[in-house]
């Protein structure tokens, strides 16, 4: 897979707790955009929120820390790091909320 300049980390997370209906996806989007990351965030049917992000190592690590804390309106009960396959397609530019 060809890497874009400056992209050195990729992370996929599933977040459990009170994370739907409390602005969690929008919080993640704003945090990711502020850090210059690419990726997406979405609600899952089981009540969790899932996200995948790519960008500079330090920025990806910072987003993970912010996600684990969450916004004041949410309660993060747990975060699972999911595997990202080497053959996964590039995430593209920008960070988006999937509906």
PDB file of N, CA and C in Angstrom:
ATOM      1  N   UNK A   1       0.842  -1.179   0.000  1.00  0.00           N
ATOM      2  CA  UNK A   1       0.000   0.000   0.000  1.00  0.00           C
ATOM      3  C   UNK A   1       0.884   1.237   0.000  1.00  0.00           C
ATOM      4  N   UNK A   2       0.577   2.160  -0.862  1.00  0.00           N
ATOM      5  CA  UNK A   2       1.327   3.410  -0.931  1.00  0.00           C
ATOM      6  C   UNK A   2       0.861   4.324   0.187  1.00  0.00           C
ATOM      7  N   UNK A   3       1.807   4.942   0.871  1.00  0.00           N
ATOM      8  CA  UNK A   3       1.461   5.829   1.968  1.00  0.00           C
ATOM      9  C   UNK A   3       1.624   7.270   1.537  1.00  0.00           C
ATOM     10  N   UNK A   4       0.720   8.102   2.014  1.00  0.00           N
ATOM     11  CA  UNK A   4       0.842   9.536   1.762  1.00  0.00           C
ATOM     12  C   UNK A   4       1.900  10.108   2.698  1.00  0.00           C
ATOM     13  N   UNK A   5       2.562  11.182   2.287  1.00  0.00           N
ATOM     14  CA  UNK A   5       3.558  11.798   3.164  1.00  0.00           C
ATOM     15  C   UNK A   5       2.918  12.201   4.493  1.00  0.00           C
ATOM     16  N   UNK A   6       3.614  11.938   5.608  1.00  0.00           N
ATOM     17  CA  UNK A   6       3.129  12.332   6.915  1.00  0.00           C
ATOM     18  C   UNK A   6       2.196  11.325   7.571  1.00  0.00           C
ATOM     19  N   UNK A   7       1.737  10.322   6.825  1.00  0.00           N
ATOM     20  CA  UNK A   7       0.862   9.317   7.412  1.00  0.00           C
ATOM     21  C   UNK A   7       1.725   8.182   7.920  1.00  0.00           C
ATOM     22  N   UNK A   8       1.679   7.960   9.229  1.00  0.00           N
ATOM     23  CA  UNK A   8       2.531   6.922   9.773  1.00  0.00           C
ATOM     24  C   UNK A   8       1.803   5.998  10.734  1.00  0.00           C
ATOM     25  N   UNK A   9       0.545   6.289  11.039  1.00  0.00           N
ATOM     26  CA  UNK A   9      -0.198   5.429  11.961  1.00  0.00           C
ATOM     27  C   UNK A   9      -1.641   5.304  11.493  1.00  0.00           C
ATOM     28  N   UNK A  10      -2.234   4.145  11.819  1.00  0.00           N
ATOM     29  CA  UNK A  10      -3.640   3.903  11.499  1.00  0.00           C
ATOM     30  C   UNK A  10      -4.230   3.117  12.659  1.00  0.00           C
ATOM     31  N   UNK A  11      -5.418   3.512  13.078  1.00  0.00           N
ATOM     32  CA  UNK A  11      -6.018   2.936  14.274  1.00  0.00           C
ATOM     33  C   UNK A  11      -7.518   2.783  14.067  1.00  0.00           C
ATOM     34  N   UNK A  12      -8.060   1.650  14.540  1.00  0.00           N
ATOM     35  CA  UNK A  12      -9.501   1.416  14.502  1.00  0.00           C
ATOM     36  C   UNK A  12      -9.950   1.077  15.919  1.00  0.00           C
ATOM     37  N   UNK A  13     -10.999   1.775  16.390  1.00  0.00           N
ATOM     38  CA  UNK A  13     -11.484   1.603  17.752  1.00  0.00           C
ATOM     39  C   UNK A  13     -12.980   1.343  17.770  1.00  0.00           C
ATOM     40  N   UNK A  14     -13.428   0.566  18.760  1.00  0.00           N
ATOM     41  CA  UNK A  14     -14.857   0.427  19.068  1.00  0.00           C
ATOM     42  C   UNK A  14     -15.028   0.907  20.497  1.00  0.00           C
ATOM     43  N   UNK A  15     -15.918   1.890  20.672  1.00  0.00           N
ATOM     44  CA  UNK A  15     -16.115   2.541  21.962  1.00  0.00           C
ATOM     45  C   UNK A  15     -17.469   2.127  22.531  1.00  0.00           C
ATOM     46  N   UNK A  16     -17.470   1.663  23.781  1.00  0.00           N
ATOM     47  CA  UNK A  16     -18.694   1.220  24.453  1.00  0.00           C
ATOM     48  C   UNK A  16     -19.021   2.152  25.610  1.00  0.00           C
ATOM     49  N   UNK A  17     -20.293   2.197  25.953  1.00  0.00           N
ATOM     50  CA  UNK A  17     -20.757   3.022  27.065  1.00  0.00           C
ATOM     51  C   UNK A  17     -21.946   3.838  26.604  1.00  0.00           C
ATOM     52  N   UNK A  18     -22.149   4.994  27.227  1.00  0.00           N
ATOM     53  CA  UNK A  18     -23.203   5.916  26.779  1.00  0.00           C
ATOM     54  C   UNK A  18     -22.552   6.833  25.736  1.00  0.00           C
ATOM     55  N   UNK A  19     -22.535   6.349  24.489  1.00  0.00           N
ATOM     56  CA  UNK A  19     -21.813   7.044  23.425  1.00  0.00           C
ATOM     57  C   UNK A  19     -22.683   7.323  22.196  1.00  0.00           C
ATOM     58  N   UNK A  20     -23.957   6.949  22.255  1.00  0.00           N
ATOM     59  CA  UNK A  20     -24.865   7.291  21.161  1.00  0.00           C
ATOM     60  C   UNK A  20     -25.931   8.243  21.688  1.00  0.00           C
ATOM     61  N   UNK A  21     -26.298   9.211  20.846  1.00  0.00           N
ATOM     62  CA  UNK A  21     -27.314  10.185  21.224  1.00  0.00           C
ATOM     63  C   UNK A  21     -26.804  11.266  22.154  1.00  0.00           C
ATOM     64  N   UNK A  22     -25.488  11.379  22.287  1.00  0.00           N
ATOM     65  CA  UNK A  22     -24.894  12.370  23.199  1.00  0.00           C
ATOM     66  C   UNK A  22     -23.845  13.243  22.492  1.00  0.00           C
ATOM     67  N   UNK A  23     -23.815  13.207  21.161  1.00  0.00           N
ATOM     68  CA  UNK A  23     -22.862  14.026  20.401  1.00  0.00           C
ATOM     69  C   UNK A  23     -21.467  13.429  20.294  1.00  0.00           C
ATOM     70  N   UNK A  24     -21.337  12.141  20.584  1.00  0.00           N
ATOM     71  CA  UNK A  24     -20.006  11.524  20.581  1.00  0.00           C
ATOM     72  C   UNK A  24     -19.365  11.527  19.199  1.00  0.00           C
ATOM     73  N   UNK A  25     -20.131  11.167  18.166  1.00  0.00           N
ATOM     74  CA  UNK A  25     -19.547  11.152  16.812  1.00  0.00           C
ATOM     75  C   UNK A  25     -19.066  12.532  16.405  1.00  0.00           C
ATOM     76  N   UNK A  26     -19.831  13.556  16.750  1.00  0.00           N
ATOM     77  CA  UNK A  26     -19.453  14.920  16.373  1.00  0.00           C
ATOM     78  C   UNK A  26     -18.233  15.367  17.157  1.00  0.00           C
ATOM     79  N   UNK A  27     -18.132  14.944  18.409  1.00  0.00           N
ATOM     80  CA  UNK A  27     -16.953  15.208  19.213  1.00  0.00           C
ATOM     81  C   UNK A  27     -15.715  14.592  18.555  1.00  0.00           C
ATOM     82  N   UNK A  28     -15.827  13.323  18.152  1.00  0.00           N
ATOM     83  CA  UNK A  28     -14.705  12.635  17.506  1.00  0.00           C
ATOM     84  C   UNK A  28     -14.316  13.351  16.216  1.00  0.00           C
ATOM     85  N   UNK A  29     -15.322  13.712  15.428  1.00  0.00           N
ATOM     86  CA  UNK A  29     -15.039  14.407  14.161  1.00  0.00           C
ATOM     87  C   UNK A  29     -14.265  15.693  14.404  1.00  0.00           C
ATOM     88  N   UNK A  30     -14.708  16.504  15.342  1.00  0.00           N
ATOM     89  CA  UNK A  30     -14.044  17.783  15.593  1.00  0.00           C
ATOM     90  C   UNK A  30     -12.629  17.588  16.138  1.00  0.00           C
ATOM     91  N   UNK A  31     -12.459  16.616  17.010  1.00  0.00           N
ATOM     92  CA  UNK A  31     -11.125  16.334  17.550  1.00  0.00           C
ATOM     93  C   UNK A  31     -10.184  15.862  16.441  1.00  0.00           C
ATOM     94  N   UNK A  32     -10.669  14.953  15.603  1.00  0.00           N
ATOM     95  CA  UNK A  32      -9.843  14.422  14.507  1.00  0.00           C
ATOM     96  C   UNK A  32      -9.473  15.523  13.522  1.00  0.00           C
ATOM     97  N   UNK A  33     -10.440  16.352  13.179  1.00  0.00           N
ATOM     98  CA  UNK A  33     -10.146  17.441  12.242  1.00  0.00           C
ATOM     99  C   UNK A  33      -9.141  18.420  12.831  1.00  0.00           C
ATOM    100  N   UNK A  34      -9.275  18.717  14.115  1.00  0.00           N
ATOM    101  CA  UNK A  34      -8.338  19.638  14.765  1.00  0.00           C
ATOM    102  C   UNK A  34      -6.916  19.087  14.758  1.00  0.00           C
ATOM    103  N   UNK A  35      -6.797  17.765  14.783  1.00  0.00           N
ATOM    104  CA  UNK A  35      -5.477  17.116  14.769  1.00  0.00           C
ATOM    105  C   UNK A  35      -4.989  16.813  13.354  1.00  0.00           C
ATOM    106  N   UNK A  36      -5.787  17.141  12.340  1.00  0.00           N
ATOM    107  CA  UNK A  36      -5.383  16.927  10.951  1.00  0.00           C
ATOM    108  C   UNK A  36      -5.425  15.470  10.521  1.00  0.00           C
ATOM    109  N   UNK A  37      -6.321  14.683  11.118  1.00  0.00           N
ATOM    110  CA  UNK A  37      -6.407  13.262  10.812  1.00  0.00           C
ATOM    111  C   UNK A  37      -7.460  12.968   9.753  1.00  0.00           C
ATOM    112  N   UNK A  38      -7.314  11.838   9.094  1.00  0.00           N
ATOM    113  CA  UNK A  38      -8.284  11.354   8.111  1.00  0.00           C
ATOM    114  C   UNK A  38      -9.002  10.148   8.688  1.00  0.00           C
ATOM    115  N   UNK A  39     -10.250   9.926   8.222  1.00  0.00           N
ATOM    116  CA  UNK A  39     -10.953   8.731   8.647  1.00  0.00           C
ATOM    117  C   UNK A  39     -12.445   8.911   8.728  1.00  0.00           C
ATOM    118  N   UNK A  40     -13.064   8.123   9.604  1.00  0.00           N
ATOM    119  CA  UNK A  40     -14.519   8.128   9.733  1.00  0.00           C
ATOM    120  C   UNK A  40     -14.917   7.676  11.130  1.00  0.00           C
ATOM    121  N   UNK A  41     -16.172   7.971  11.492  1.00  0.00           N
ATOM    122  CA  UNK A  41     -16.773   7.516  12.740  1.00  0.00           C
ATOM    123  C   UNK A  41     -18.224   7.175  12.452  1.00  0.00           C
ATOM    124  N   UNK A  42     -18.756   6.124  13.113  1.00  0.00           N
ATOM    125  CA  UNK A  42     -20.144   5.714  12.886  1.00  0.00           C
ATOM    126  C   UNK A  42     -20.712   5.044  14.138  1.00  0.00           C
ATOM    127  N   UNK A  43     -22.043   5.074  14.234  1.00  0.00           N
ATOM    128  CA  UNK A  43     -22.756   4.316  15.259  1.00  0.00           C
ATOM    129  C   UNK A  43     -22.892   2.880  14.795  1.00  0.00           C
ATOM    130  N   UNK A  44     -22.811   1.936  15.727  1.00  0.00           N
ATOM    131  CA  UNK A  44     -23.082   0.532  15.456  1.00  0.00           C
ATOM    132  C   UNK A  44     -24.433   0.169  16.059  1.00  0.00           C
ATOM    133  N   UNK A  45     -25.051  -0.866  15.507  1.00  0.00           N
ATOM    134  CA  UNK A  45     -26.363  -1.301  15.975  1.00  0.00           C
ATOM    135  C   UNK A  45     -26.358  -1.742  17.432  1.00  0.00           C
ATOM    136  N   UNK A  46     -25.211  -2.189  17.947  1.00  0.00           N
ATOM    137  CA  UNK A  46     -25.145  -2.666  19.327  1.00  0.00           C
ATOM    138  C   UNK A  46     -24.996  -1.543  20.357  1.00  0.00           C
ATOM    139  N   UNK A  47     -25.052  -0.272  19.904  1.00  0.00           N
ATOM    140  CA  UNK A  47     -24.936   0.861  20.808  1.00  0.00           C
ATOM    141  C   UNK A  47     -23.532   1.411  20.944  1.00  0.00           C
ATOM    142  N   UNK A  48     -22.572   0.752  20.321  1.00  0.00           N
ATOM    143  CA  UNK A  48     -21.195   1.245  20.364  1.00  0.00           C
ATOM    144  C   UNK A  48     -20.964   2.235  19.222  1.00  0.00           C
ATOM    145  N   UNK A  49     -19.829   2.889  19.282  1.00  0.00           N
ATOM    146  CA  UNK A  49     -19.380   3.782  18.212  1.00  0.00           C
ATOM    147  C   UNK A  49     -18.047   3.240  17.728  1.00  0.00           C
ATOM    148  N   UNK A  50     -17.869   3.213  16.407  1.00  0.00           N
ATOM    149  CA  UNK A  50     -16.641   2.706  15.811  1.00  0.00           C
ATOM    150  C   UNK A  50     -15.993   3.817  14.996  1.00  0.00           C
ATOM    151  N   UNK A  51     -14.673   3.828  14.995  1.00  0.00           N
ATOM    152  CA  UNK A  51     -13.949   4.828  14.209  1.00  0.00           C
ATOM    153  C   UNK A  51     -12.663   4.237  13.685  1.00  0.00           C
ATOM    154  N   UNK A  52     -12.237   4.786  12.563  1.00  0.00           N
ATOM    155  CA  UNK A  52     -10.931   4.444  12.004  1.00  0.00           C
ATOM    156  C   UNK A  52     -10.265   5.743  11.593  1.00  0.00           C
ATOM    157  N   UNK A  53      -8.992   5.854  11.895  1.00  0.00           N
ATOM    158  CA  UNK A  53      -8.286   7.110  11.707  1.00  0.00           C
ATOM    159  C   UNK A  53      -6.861   6.835  11.244  1.00  0.00           C
ATOM    160  N   UNK A  54      -6.318   7.772  10.472  1.00  0.00           N
ATOM    161  CA  UNK A  54      -4.913   7.685  10.081  1.00  0.00           C
ATOM    162  C   UNK A  54      -4.299   9.075  10.114  1.00  0.00           C
ATOM    163  N   UNK A  55      -2.997   9.090  10.362  1.00  0.00           N
ATOM    164  CA  UNK A  55      -2.273  10.348  10.414  1.00  0.00           C
ATOM    165  C   UNK A  55      -0.962  10.163  11.154  1.00  0.00           C
ATOM    166  N   UNK A  56      -0.384  11.261  11.558  1.00  0.00           N
ATOM    167  CA  UNK A  56       0.891  11.221  12.279  1.00  0.00           C
ATOM    168  C   UNK A  56       0.726  10.469  13.596  1.00  0.00           C
ATOM    169  N   UNK A  57       1.725   9.677  13.942  1.00  0.00           N
ATOM    170  CA  UNK A  57       1.691   8.855  15.168  1.00  0.00           C
ATOM    171  C   UNK A  57       1.207   9.620  16.391  1.00  0.00           C
ATOM    172  N   UNK A  58       1.817  10.761  16.668  1.00  0.00           N
ATOM    173  CA  UNK A  58       1.476  11.528  17.869  1.00  0.00           C
ATOM    174  C   UNK A  58       0.033  12.002  17.838  1.00  0.00           C
ATOM    175  N   UNK A  59      -0.461  12.373  16.661  1.00  0.00           N
ATOM    176  CA  UNK A  59      -1.843  12.866  16.546  1.00  0.00           C
ATOM    177  C   UNK A  59      -2.848  11.732  16.705  1.00  0.00           C
ATOM    178  N   UNK A  60      -2.527  10.569  16.164  1.00  0.00           N
ATOM    179  CA  UNK A  60      -3.399   9.406  16.335  1.00  0.00           C
ATOM    180  C   UNK A  60      -3.451   9.022  17.817  1.00  0.00           C
ATOM    181  N   UNK A  61      -2.313   9.019  18.484  1.00  0.00           N
ATOM    182  CA  UNK A  61      -2.267   8.704  19.911  1.00  0.00           C
ATOM    183  C   UNK A  61      -3.058   9.724  20.721  1.00  0.00           C
ATOM    184  N   UNK A  62      -2.973  10.979  20.356  1.00  0.00           N
ATOM    185  CA  UNK A  62      -3.717  12.033  21.051  1.00  0.00           C
ATOM    186  C   UNK A  62      -5.224  11.855  20.861  1.00  0.00           C
ATOM    187  N   UNK A  63      -5.644  11.522  19.642  1.00  0.00           N
ATOM    188  CA  UNK A  63      -7.072  11.285  19.425  1.00  0.00           C
ATOM    189  C   UNK A  63      -7.547  10.098  20.258  1.00  0.00           C
ATOM    190  N   UNK A  64      -6.769   9.029  20.306  1.00  0.00           N
ATOM    191  CA  UNK A  64      -7.165   7.874  21.106  1.00  0.00           C
ATOM    192  C   UNK A  64      -7.363   8.282  22.569  1.00  0.00           C
ATOM    193  N   UNK A  65      -6.468   9.089  23.111  1.00  0.00           N
ATOM    194  CA  UNK A  65      -6.599   9.553  24.497  1.00  0.00           C
ATOM    195  C   UNK A  65      -7.870  10.372  24.672  1.00  0.00           C
ATOM    196  N   UNK A  66      -8.175  11.240  23.723  1.00  0.00           N
ATOM    197  CA  UNK A  66      -9.378  12.067  23.805  1.00  0.00           C
ATOM    198  C   UNK A  66     -10.641  11.224  23.686  1.00  0.00           C
ATOM    199  N   UNK A  67     -10.621  10.214  22.827  1.00  0.00           N
ATOM    200  CA  UNK A  67     -11.764   9.319  22.670  1.00  0.00           C
ATOM    201  C   UNK A  67     -11.996   8.533  23.956  1.00  0.00           C
ATOM    202  N   UNK A  68     -10.937   8.082  24.586  1.00  0.00           N
ATOM    203  CA  UNK A  68     -11.081   7.330  25.831  1.00  0.00           C
ATOM    204  C   UNK A  68     -11.694   8.194  26.938  1.00  0.00           C
ATOM    205  N   UNK A  69     -11.473   9.492  26.896  1.00  0.00           N
ATOM    206  CA  UNK A  69     -12.059  10.423  27.858  1.00  0.00           C
ATOM    207  C   UNK A  69     -13.488  10.769  27.437  1.00  0.00           C
ATOM    208  N   UNK A  70     -13.683  11.073  26.142  1.00  0.00           N
ATOM    209  CA  UNK A  70     -14.991  11.427  25.615  1.00  0.00           C
ATOM    210  C   UNK A  70     -15.428  12.821  26.018  1.00  0.00           C
ATOM    211  N   UNK A  71     -16.525  13.286  25.428  1.00  0.00           N
ATOM    212  CA  UNK A  71     -17.076  14.586  25.823  1.00  0.00           C
ATOM    213  C   UNK A  71     -17.806  14.455  27.159  1.00  0.00           C
ATOM    214  N   UNK A  72     -18.114  15.582  27.798  1.00  0.00           N
ATOM    215  CA  UNK A  72     -18.801  15.569  29.087  1.00  0.00           C
ATOM    216  C   UNK A  72     -20.155  14.874  29.027  1.00  0.00           C
ATOM    217  N   UNK A  73     -20.813  14.922  27.870  1.00  0.00           N
ATOM    218  CA  UNK A  73     -22.150  14.347  27.718  1.00  0.00           C
ATOM    219  C   UNK A  73     -22.150  12.826  27.625  1.00  0.00           C
ATOM    220  N   UNK A  74     -20.988  12.233  27.439  1.00  0.00           N
ATOM    221  CA  UNK A  74     -20.878  10.780  27.246  1.00  0.00           C
ATOM    222  C   UNK A  74     -20.262  10.105  28.464  1.00  0.00           C
ATOM    223  N   UNK A  75     -20.363   8.785  28.480  1.00  0.00           N
ATOM    224  CA  UNK A  75     -19.653   7.980  29.466  1.00  0.00           C
ATOM    225  C   UNK A  75     -19.000   6.818  28.715  1.00  0.00           C
ATOM    226  N   UNK A  76     -17.684   6.856  28.608  1.00  0.00           N
ATOM    227  CA  UNK A  76     -16.942   5.798  27.928  1.00  0.00           C
ATOM    228  C   UNK A  76     -16.662   4.691  28.934  1.00  0.00           C
ATOM    229  N   UNK A  77     -17.284   3.520  28.702  1.00  0.00           N
ATOM    230  CA  UNK A  77     -17.103   2.382  29.598  1.00  0.00           C
ATOM    231  C   UNK A  77     -15.941   1.489  29.165  1.00  0.00           C
ATOM    232  N   UNK A  78     -15.601   1.527  27.872  1.00  0.00           N
ATOM    233  CA  UNK A  78     -14.512   0.705  27.385  1.00  0.00           C
ATOM    234  C   UNK A  78     -14.192   1.008  25.937  1.00  0.00           C
ATOM    235  N   UNK A  79     -12.960   0.752  25.580  1.00  0.00           N
ATOM    236  CA  UNK A  79     -12.487   0.961  24.210  1.00  0.00           C
ATOM    237  C   UNK A  79     -11.741  -0.293  23.784  1.00  0.00           C
ATOM    238  N   UNK A  80     -12.116  -0.822  22.631  1.00  0.00           N
ATOM    239  CA  UNK A  80     -11.455  -2.000  22.073  1.00  0.00           C
ATOM    240  C   UNK A  80     -10.685  -1.565  20.833  1.00  0.00           C
ATOM    241  N   UNK A  81      -9.416  -1.910  20.782  1.00  0.00           N
ATOM    242  CA  UNK A  81      -8.604  -1.647  19.594  1.00  0.00           C
ATOM    243  C   UNK A  81      -8.830  -2.812  18.635  1.00  0.00           C
ATOM    244  N   UNK A  82      -9.307  -2.488  17.439  1.00  0.00           N
ATOM    245  CA  UNK A  82      -9.595  -3.491  16.418  1.00  0.00           C
ATOM    246  C   UNK A  82      -8.439  -3.580  15.434  1.00  0.00           C
ATOM    247  N   UNK A  83      -8.240  -4.742  14.834  1.00  0.00           N
ATOM    248  CA  UNK A  83      -7.153  -4.870  13.855  1.00  0.00           C
ATOM    249  C   UNK A  83      -7.444  -4.074  12.585  1.00  0.00           C
ATOM    250  N   UNK A  84      -6.392  -3.533  12.016  1.00  0.00           N
ATOM    251  CA  UNK A  84      -6.460  -2.888  10.702  1.00  0.00           C
ATOM    252  C   UNK A  84      -5.604  -3.740   9.780  1.00  0.00           C
ATOM    253  N   UNK A  85      -6.206  -4.253   8.746  1.00  0.00           N
ATOM    254  CA  UNK A  85      -5.495  -5.138   7.825  1.00  0.00           C
ATOM    255  C   UNK A  85      -4.538  -4.358   6.939  1.00  0.00           C
ATOM    256  N   UNK A  86      -3.403  -4.981   6.661  1.00  0.00           N
ATOM    257  CA  UNK A  86      -2.390  -4.347   5.809  1.00  0.00           C
ATOM    258  C   UNK A  86      -2.948  -3.998   4.438  1.00  0.00           C
ATOM    259  N   UNK A  87      -3.927  -4.746   3.981  1.00  0.00           N
ATOM    260  CA  UNK A  87      -4.498  -4.536   2.648  1.00  0.00           C
ATOM    261  C   UNK A  87      -5.679  -3.561   2.660  1.00  0.00           C
ATOM    262  N   UNK A  88      -5.972  -2.952   3.799  1.00  0.00           N
ATOM    263  CA  UNK A  88      -7.101  -2.026   3.897  1.00  0.00           C
ATOM    264  C   UNK A  88      -6.877  -0.844   2.963  1.00  0.00           C
ATOM    265  N   UNK A  89      -7.938  -0.398   2.282  1.00  0.00           N
ATOM    266  CA  UNK A  89      -7.791   0.740   1.374  1.00  0.00           C
ATOM    267  C   UNK A  89      -7.490   2.023   2.147  1.00  0.00           C
ATOM    268  N   UNK A  90      -6.852   2.990   1.510  1.00  0.00           N
ATOM    269  CA  UNK A  90      -6.571   4.274   2.162  1.00  0.00           C
ATOM    270  C   UNK A  90      -7.866   4.930   2.635  1.00  0.00           C
ATOM    271  N   UNK A  91      -7.780   5.710   3.687  1.00  0.00           N
ATOM    272  CA  UNK A  91      -8.960   6.358   4.247  1.00  0.00           C
ATOM    273  C   UNK A  91      -9.368   7.616   3.499  1.00  0.00           C
ATOM    274  N   UNK A  92      -8.511   8.119   2.632  1.00  0.00           N
ATOM    275  CA  UNK A  92      -8.844   9.334   1.887  1.00  0.00           C
ATOM    276  C   UNK A  92      -8.540  10.576   2.708  1.00  0.00           C
ATOM    277  N   UNK A  93      -9.037  11.691   2.235  1.00  0.00           N
ATOM    278  CA  UNK A  93      -8.782  12.963   2.887  1.00  0.00           C
ATOM    279  C   UNK A  93      -9.945  13.349   3.771  1.00  0.00           C
ATOM    280  N   UNK A  94      -9.651  14.032   4.854  1.00  0.00           N
ATOM    281  CA  UNK A  94     -10.678  14.543   5.749  1.00  0.00           C
ATOM    282  C   UNK A  94     -11.200  13.473   6.699  1.00  0.00           C
ATOM    283  N   UNK A  95     -12.062  13.927   7.595  1.00  0.00           N
ATOM    284  CA  UNK A  95     -12.666  13.032   8.575  1.00  0.00           C
ATOM    285  C   UNK A  95     -14.170  13.212   8.500  1.00  0.00           C
ATOM    286  N   UNK A  96     -14.903  12.096   8.432  1.00  0.00           N
ATOM    287  CA  UNK A  96     -16.334  12.146   8.156  1.00  0.00           C
ATOM    288  C   UNK A  96     -17.138  11.320   9.148  1.00  0.00           C
ATOM    289  N   UNK A  97     -18.357  11.770   9.416  1.00  0.00           N
ATOM    290  CA  UNK A  97     -19.324  11.003  10.178  1.00  0.00           C
ATOM    291  C   UNK A  97     -20.111  10.176   9.173  1.00  0.00           C
ATOM    292  N   UNK A  98     -20.145   8.869   9.369  1.00  0.00           N
ATOM    293  CA  UNK A  98     -20.939   7.990   8.505  1.00  0.00           C
ATOM    294  C   UNK A  98     -22.315   7.828   9.132  1.00  0.00           C
ATOM    295  N   UNK A  99     -23.324   7.871   8.292  1.00  0.00           N
ATOM    296  CA  UNK A  99     -24.712   7.716   8.783  1.00  0.00           C
ATOM    297  C   UNK A  99     -25.257   6.383   8.391  1.00  0.00           C
TER     298      UNK A  99
END
